[in-house]
C-alpha atoms as a PDB file:
ATOM      1  CA  UNK A   1     100.781 121.057 124.867  1.00  0.00           C
ATOM      2  CA  UNK A   2     101.651 123.830 123.828  1.00  0.00           C
ATOM      3  CA  UNK A   3      99.372 126.131 121.566  1.00  0.00           C
ATOM      4  CA  UNK A   4     101.770 126.605 118.575  1.00  0.00           C
ATOM      5  CA  UNK A   5     102.064 123.022 118.503  1.00  0.00           C
ATOM      6  CA  UNK A   6      99.699 120.609 116.519  1.00  0.00           C
ATOM      7  CA  UNK A   7      98.244 117.107 117.054  1.00  0.00           C
ATOM      8  CA  UNK A   8      98.222 114.606 114.071  1.00  0.00           C
ATOM      9  CA  UNK A   9      94.603 113.110 113.003  1.00  0.00           C
ATOM     10  CA  UNK A  10      93.806 109.826 114.473  1.00  0.00           C
ATOM     11  CA  UNK A  11      94.940 107.229 111.756  1.00  0.00           C
ATOM     12  CA  UNK A  12      95.071 103.551 111.145  1.00  0.00           C
ATOM     13  CA  UNK A  13      98.691 102.359 109.452  1.00  0.00           C
ATOM     14  CA  UNK A  14      97.719 100.043 107.072  1.00  0.00           C
ATOM     15  CA  UNK A  15     100.511  97.041 106.723  1.00  0.00           C
ATOM     16  CA  UNK A  16     100.918  97.681 103.410  1.00  0.00           C
ATOM     17  CA  UNK A  17     101.489 101.687 104.186  1.00  0.00           C
ATOM     18  CA  UNK A  18     104.568 100.550 106.790  1.00  0.00           C
ATOM     19  CA  UNK A  19     105.910  98.470 104.142  1.00  0.00           C
ATOM     20  CA  UNK A  20     106.375 100.733 101.683  1.00  0.00           C
ATOM     21  CA  UNK A  21     107.714 103.307 104.459  1.00  0.00           C
ATOM     22  CA  UNK A  22     110.385 100.849 104.769  1.00  0.00           C
ATOM     23  CA  UNK A  23     110.681 100.695 101.114  1.00  0.00           C
ATOM     24  CA  UNK A  24     111.063 103.916 100.648  1.00  0.00           C
ATOM     25  CA  UNK A  25     113.023 104.431 103.318  1.00  0.00           C
ATOM     26  CA  UNK A  26     115.145 102.022 102.251  1.00  0.00           C
ATOM     27  CA  UNK A  27     115.808 103.069  98.650  1.00  0.00           C
ATOM     28  CA  UNK A  28     115.843 106.864 100.508  1.00  0.00           C
ATOM     29  CA  UNK A  29     113.214 107.284  97.684  1.00  0.00           C
ATOM     30  CA  UNK A  30     109.791 108.755  98.504  1.00  0.00           C
ATOM     31  CA  UNK A  31     108.581 108.051  95.063  1.00  0.00           C
ATOM     32  CA  UNK A  32     108.271 104.728  96.216  1.00  0.00           C
ATOM     33  CA  UNK A  33     105.490 105.747  98.500  1.00  0.00           C
ATOM     34  CA  UNK A  34     101.813 105.251  97.307  1.00  0.00           C
ATOM     35  CA  UNK A  35     100.247 108.680  96.068  1.00  0.00           C
ATOM     36  CA  UNK A  36      97.352 108.758  98.487  1.00  0.00           C
ATOM     37  CA  UNK A  37      99.465 107.697 101.507  1.00  0.00           C
ATOM     38  CA  UNK A  38      99.932 111.104 103.252  1.00  0.00           C
ATOM     39  CA  UNK A  39     103.629 112.265 103.210  1.00  0.00           C
ATOM     40  CA  UNK A  40     103.658 113.072 106.977  1.00  0.00           C
ATOM     41  CA  UNK A  41     103.034 109.476 108.122  1.00  0.00           C
ATOM     42  CA  UNK A  42     106.422 108.691 106.800  1.00  0.00           C
ATOM     43  CA  UNK A  43     107.591 111.670 108.915  1.00  0.00           C
ATOM     44  CA  UNK A  44     106.090 109.866 111.771  1.00  0.00           C
ATOM     45  CA  UNK A  45     106.788 106.438 110.975  1.00  0.00           C
ATOM     46  CA  UNK A  46     110.304 107.591 110.946  1.00  0.00           C
ATOM     47  CA  UNK A  47     110.060 109.502 114.435  1.00  0.00           C
ATOM     48  CA  UNK A  48     108.886 105.949 116.180  1.00  0.00           C
ATOM     49  CA  UNK A  49     111.388 103.809 114.327  1.00  0.00           C
ATOM     50  CA  UNK A  50     113.819 106.297 116.550  1.00  0.00           C
ATOM     51  CA  UNK A  51     114.904 108.547 114.564  1.00  0.00           C
ATOM     52  CA  UNK A  52     115.227 112.231 115.165  1.00  0.00           C
ATOM     53  CA  UNK A  53     113.671 115.013 112.761  1.00  0.00           C
ATOM     54  CA  UNK A  54     114.466 118.596 112.560  1.00  0.00           C
ATOM     55  CA  UNK A  55     112.664 121.480 110.122  1.00  0.00           C
ATOM     56  CA  UNK A  56     115.970 122.805 109.176  1.00  0.00           C
ATOM     57  CA  UNK A  57     117.142 123.047 105.419  1.00  0.00           C
ATOM     58  CA  UNK A  58     120.334 122.845 106.303  1.00  0.00           C
ATOM     59  CA  UNK A  59     121.653 119.630 104.669  1.00  0.00           C
ATOM     60  CA  UNK A  60     125.489 119.774 106.118  1.00  0.00           C
ATOM     61  CA  UNK A  61     123.819 118.925 109.855  1.00  0.00           C
ATOM     62  CA  UNK A  62     125.926 115.709 110.763  1.00  0.00           C
ATOM     63  CA  UNK A  63     125.542 116.244 114.773  1.00  0.00           C
ATOM     64  CA  UNK A  64     122.774 117.738 117.084  1.00  0.00           C
ATOM     65  CA  UNK A  65     123.576 118.783 120.196  1.00  0.00           C
ATOM     66  CA  UNK A  66     121.080 119.830 122.808  1.00  0.00           C
ATOM     67  CA  UNK A  67     121.615 124.070 123.470  1.00  0.00           C
ATOM     68  CA  UNK A  68     120.867 124.927 127.480  1.00  0.00           C
ATOM     69  CA  UNK A  69     120.048 128.342 128.210  1.00  0.00           C
ATOM     70  CA  UNK A  70     122.337 130.269 130.280  1.00  0.00           C
END
């Protein structure tokens, strides 16, 4: 692993949190998550579901492509 990358802390994801993630994602409403659940766990859960996440603040990105260095 590269030194600038962080590892997620160890955690157990209770079934109720996973159900809350699914409900919040289906409704596209993060306010449905329990307040005690860290929001980064939702992002980790989405990545595990096969979603690709990016840190851009550009809402109009509809397609991501790999850029190859010359």
